[in-house]
């Protein structure tokens, strides 16, 4: 198996090598174990890096069968169209951050690395969550969608950890884009979603807000 992890990188598993991550693992009312803030986290703060073994899309498909994907027993994050980060191998506690339809965190890709940032001020003891927004696999039926039930309990819960269905594209007049005058924001990213029926399996791209980094 080929390890695509860059050779030159810090051995630290936190975004800030000088301090421990501002969260710890506890039992979560959402699902299993979750990450809870151990101190106040300000809006915009980089909380941690999502790390793990870097493998190809094909290796990820071979490593986890459809049953594992349906039971959500994976910690996969699409880095790009070719590379997946598997947090289950050489990963850190960032892989335990749960989904919420009312997230307080978001994953971003910066220079081929995935970082988790605070979307708003987060109080001590508050659970860290981001919106997984799994891309819907091509040809998903109602039975398949039922496997991705959301239990976040948010007032705006949409009942699923799948991304909302995309509205039909509308015809729009062609307009020249205005010249960009501000820096480009880091790309939002979401975790790797369902692979779809075996006969229609496709590589999933992280949706732009995602998990998905």
Protein backbone atom coordinates (compact mmCIF):
# COMPACT_ATOMS: atom_id res chain seq x y z
CA UNK A 1 0.00 0.00 0.00
CA UNK A 2 1.34 3.38 -0.99
CA UNK A 3 1.51 6.04 1.72
CA UNK A 4 0.82 9.42 0.14
CA UNK A 5 1.58 11.36 3.33
CA UNK A 6 4.14 14.11 2.67
CA UNK A 7 7.50 13.25 4.22
CA UNK A 8 8.24 16.77 5.41
CA UNK A 9 5.72 17.69 8.07
CA UNK A 10 5.58 18.34 11.80
CA UNK A 11 5.24 15.32 14.07
CA UNK A 12 2.79 17.25 16.23
CA UNK A 13 -0.85 16.19 16.03
CA UNK A 14 -2.29 19.55 17.02
CA UNK A 15 -2.65 22.77 15.05
CA UNK A 16 -0.70 24.62 17.75
CA UNK A 17 2.37 22.58 18.82
CA UNK A 18 2.86 24.86 21.83
CA UNK A 19 -0.48 24.07 23.48
CA UNK A 20 -2.65 20.99 23.90
CA UNK A 21 -5.81 20.99 21.77
CA UNK A 22 -8.66 22.96 23.39
CA UNK A 23 -10.92 19.92 23.61
CA UNK A 24 -11.19 16.46 25.11
CA UNK A 25 -13.21 13.35 24.32
CA UNK A 26 -16.36 12.56 26.31
CA UNK A 27 -19.55 10.58 25.81
CA UNK A 28 -21.71 12.52 23.36
CA UNK A 29 -25.51 12.87 23.37
CA UNK A 30 -25.29 12.90 19.57
CA UNK A 31 -23.36 9.69 18.98
CA UNK A 32 -20.59 7.70 20.69
CA UNK A 33 -17.70 9.84 21.79
CA UNK A 34 -17.46 13.50 20.90
CA UNK A 35 -15.04 16.40 21.27
CA UNK A 36 -15.86 18.95 24.00
CA UNK A 37 -14.20 22.32 24.52
CA UNK A 38 -11.97 22.48 27.61
CA UNK A 39 -11.77 26.25 27.43
CA UNK A 40 -13.40 29.09 25.56
CA UNK A 41 -12.63 29.08 21.85
CA UNK A 42 -12.98 32.32 19.95
CA UNK A 43 -14.61 32.65 16.55
CA UNK A 44 -12.09 32.11 13.76
CA UNK A 45 -9.62 30.20 15.94
CA UNK A 46 -7.84 27.22 14.41
CA UNK A 47 -8.81 24.35 16.71
CA UNK A 48 -6.92 21.36 15.36
CA UNK A 49 -5.69 19.61 12.24
CA UNK A 50 -7.47 16.54 10.87
CA UNK A 51 -4.70 14.06 10.17
CA UNK A 52 -4.31 10.45 9.15
CA UNK A 53 -2.86 8.22 6.49
CA UNK A 54 -3.12 9.63 2.99
CA UNK A 55 -4.36 7.09 0.48
CA UNK A 56 -5.82 7.12 -3.00
CA UNK A 57 -9.55 7.08 -3.72
CA UNK A 58 -9.18 3.53 -5.06
CA UNK A 59 -7.44 2.39 -1.87
CA UNK A 60 -10.20 3.94 0.24
CA UNK A 61 -12.85 2.07 -1.75
CA UNK A 62 -10.92 -1.19 -1.34
CA UNK A 63 -10.27 -0.63 2.37
CA UNK A 64 -13.90 0.05 3.33
CA UNK A 65 -16.76 -1.91 1.80
CA UNK A 66 -20.30 -0.65 1.36
CA UNK A 67 -21.40 -2.09 4.72
CA UNK A 68 -18.70 -0.16 6.59
CA UNK A 69 -19.69 3.04 4.80
CA UNK A 70 -23.36 2.50 5.60
CA UNK A 71 -22.57 1.98 9.30
CA UNK A 72 -20.42 5.13 9.24
CA UNK A 73 -17.46 3.10 10.54
CA UNK A 74 -14.98 5.23 8.65
CA UNK A 75 -13.00 8.41 9.28
CA UNK A 76 -12.44 9.46 5.68
CA UNK A 77 -11.93 13.01 4.47
CA UNK A 78 -11.46 13.87 0.81
CA UNK A 79 -8.41 16.08 0.39
CA UNK A 80 -8.83 16.37 -3.37
CA UNK A 81 -10.07 14.28 -6.29
CA UNK A 82 -7.20 11.82 -5.91
CA UNK A 83 -6.34 11.75 -2.20
CA UNK A 84 -8.26 10.70 0.92
CA UNK A 85 -7.17 11.20 4.53
CA UNK A 86 -8.02 8.15 6.67
CA UNK A 87 -8.17 9.34 10.28
CA UNK A 88 -8.45 5.74 11.52
CA UNK A 89 -4.77 5.20 10.67
CA UNK A 90 -2.22 7.44 12.42
CA UNK A 91 -4.99 9.93 13.12
CA UNK A 92 -5.82 12.13 16.09
CA UNK A 93 -8.88 13.00 18.16
CA UNK A 94 -10.21 15.34 15.45
CA UNK A 95 -11.85 12.28 13.90
CA UNK A 96 -14.33 12.17 16.80
CA UNK A 97 -15.86 15.57 16.07
CA UNK A 98 -19.54 14.85 15.44
CA UNK A 99 -22.00 16.21 12.90
CA UNK A 100 -24.56 18.92 13.62
CA UNK A 101 -27.00 20.78 11.39
CA UNK A 102 -26.20 23.84 13.54
CA UNK A 103 -22.38 23.60 13.50
CA UNK A 104 -19.93 25.65 15.52
CA UNK A 105 -16.93 24.48 13.46
CA UNK A 106 -15.94 24.08 9.83
CA UNK A 107 -13.15 22.19 8.05
CA UNK A 108 -10.92 24.02 5.58
CA UNK A 109 -8.12 22.89 3.30
CA UNK A 110 -4.94 24.94 3.52
CA UNK A 111 -1.87 23.94 1.51
CA UNK A 112 -2.96 20.29 1.28
CA UNK A 113 -3.79 20.02 4.99
CA UNK A 114 -7.18 19.93 6.70
CA UNK A 115 -7.81 22.27 9.63
CA UNK A 116 -10.85 22.69 11.86
CA UNK A 117 -11.83 26.30 12.64
CA UNK A 118 -14.42 27.81 14.99
CA UNK A 119 -17.38 29.34 13.15
CA UNK A 120 -18.41 31.27 16.26
CA UNK A 121 -17.40 31.68 19.88
CA UNK A 122 -17.55 28.28 21.60
CA UNK A 123 -18.11 28.02 25.35
CA UNK A 124 -16.22 25.68 27.66
CA UNK A 125 -17.85 22.21 27.80
CA UNK A 126 -19.71 22.80 24.52
CA UNK A 127 -19.47 19.95 22.02
CA UNK A 128 -17.55 20.71 18.83
CA UNK A 129 -19.49 19.87 15.67
CA UNK A 130 -19.45 20.61 11.99
CA UNK A 131 -21.91 19.86 9.20
CA UNK A 132 -20.80 16.67 7.45
CA UNK A 133 -23.04 17.47 4.46
CA UNK A 134 -22.22 14.17 2.76
CA UNK A 135 -22.68 14.36 -0.97
CA UNK A 136 -25.58 12.26 -2.13
CA UNK A 137 -24.34 9.34 -4.19
CA UNK A 138 -25.71 9.12 -7.69
CA UNK A 139 -28.84 6.99 -7.77
CA UNK A 140 -29.48 6.96 -3.98
CA UNK A 141 -32.96 5.74 -3.08
CA UNK A 142 -35.02 6.39 0.06
CA UNK A 143 -33.77 3.21 1.77
CA UNK A 144 -30.16 4.28 1.26
CA UNK A 145 -30.84 7.81 2.48
CA UNK A 146 -32.48 6.39 5.63
CA UNK A 147 -29.07 5.06 6.71
CA UNK A 148 -27.83 8.62 7.23
CA UNK A 149 -30.23 9.81 9.94
CA UNK A 150 -29.12 12.86 11.93
CA UNK A 151 -29.43 12.88 15.73
CA UNK A 152 -27.93 16.29 16.45
CA UNK A 153 -31.12 17.62 18.07
CA UNK A 154 -30.66 21.13 16.67
CA UNK A 155 -33.75 23.28 16.14
CA UNK A 156 -32.91 23.47 12.44
CA UNK A 157 -32.06 19.76 12.13
CA UNK A 158 -32.79 18.57 8.59
CA UNK A 159 -33.04 14.95 9.74
CA UNK A 160 -30.07 13.69 7.75
CA UNK A 161 -26.30 14.12 7.63
CA UNK A 162 -26.54 14.18 3.84
CA UNK A 163 -26.25 17.52 2.10
CA UNK A 164 -29.54 19.14 1.07
CA UNK A 165 -30.62 18.15 -2.45
CA UNK A 166 -29.28 20.50 -5.07
CA UNK A 167 -32.01 22.62 -6.69
CA UNK A 168 -32.43 22.32 -10.47
CA UNK A 169 -30.04 24.53 -12.36
CA UNK A 170 -31.63 27.62 -13.84
CA UNK A 171 -30.60 29.26 -17.07
CA UNK A 172 -28.75 32.47 -16.30
CA UNK A 173 -27.39 35.20 -18.53
CA UNK A 174 -23.65 35.17 -18.99
CA UNK A 175 -22.00 37.95 -17.04
CA UNK A 176 -18.32 38.75 -16.81
CA UNK A 177 -17.05 38.21 -13.27
CA UNK A 178 -15.78 41.25 -11.42
CA UNK A 179 -12.07 41.41 -10.76
CA UNK A 180 -11.19 39.84 -7.40
CA UNK A 181 -9.88 42.46 -5.02
CA UNK A 182 -9.54 40.38 -1.85
CA UNK A 183 -7.61 37.22 -0.94
CA UNK A 184 -9.22 33.91 -1.81
CA UNK A 185 -10.67 32.15 1.23
CA UNK A 186 -9.41 28.69 2.06
CA UNK A 187 -11.56 26.01 0.48
CA UNK A 188 -14.27 24.61 2.73
CA UNK A 189 -14.32 20.85 2.98
CA UNK A 190 -16.48 18.03 4.21
CA UNK A 191 -15.94 14.38 5.06
CA UNK A 192 -16.15 11.68 2.45
CA UNK A 193 -19.75 10.66 1.91
CA UNK A 194 -21.51 7.52 0.70
CA UNK A 195 -20.01 5.72 -2.26
CA UNK A 196 -23.31 4.84 -3.89
CA UNK A 197 -24.45 1.54 -5.38
CA UNK A 198 -21.55 -0.74 -6.22
CA UNK A 199 -22.49 -0.62 -9.90
CA UNK A 200 -22.46 3.19 -9.84
CA UNK A 201 -19.60 3.80 -7.44
CA UNK A 202 -17.87 7.11 -8.03
CA UNK A 203 -15.20 9.08 -6.25
CA UNK A 204 -16.82 11.68 -4.06
CA UNK A 205 -15.55 15.23 -3.99
CA UNK A 206 -15.79 17.31 -0.83
CA UNK A 207 -18.66 19.72 -1.23
CA UNK A 208 -18.05 23.40 -0.74
CA UNK A 209 -19.99 23.92 2.40
CA UNK A 210 -17.35 20.46 4.73
CA UNK A 211 -17.41 17.82 6.52
CA UNK A 212 -15.91 18.33 3.69
CA UNK A 213 -11.59 19.27 4.16
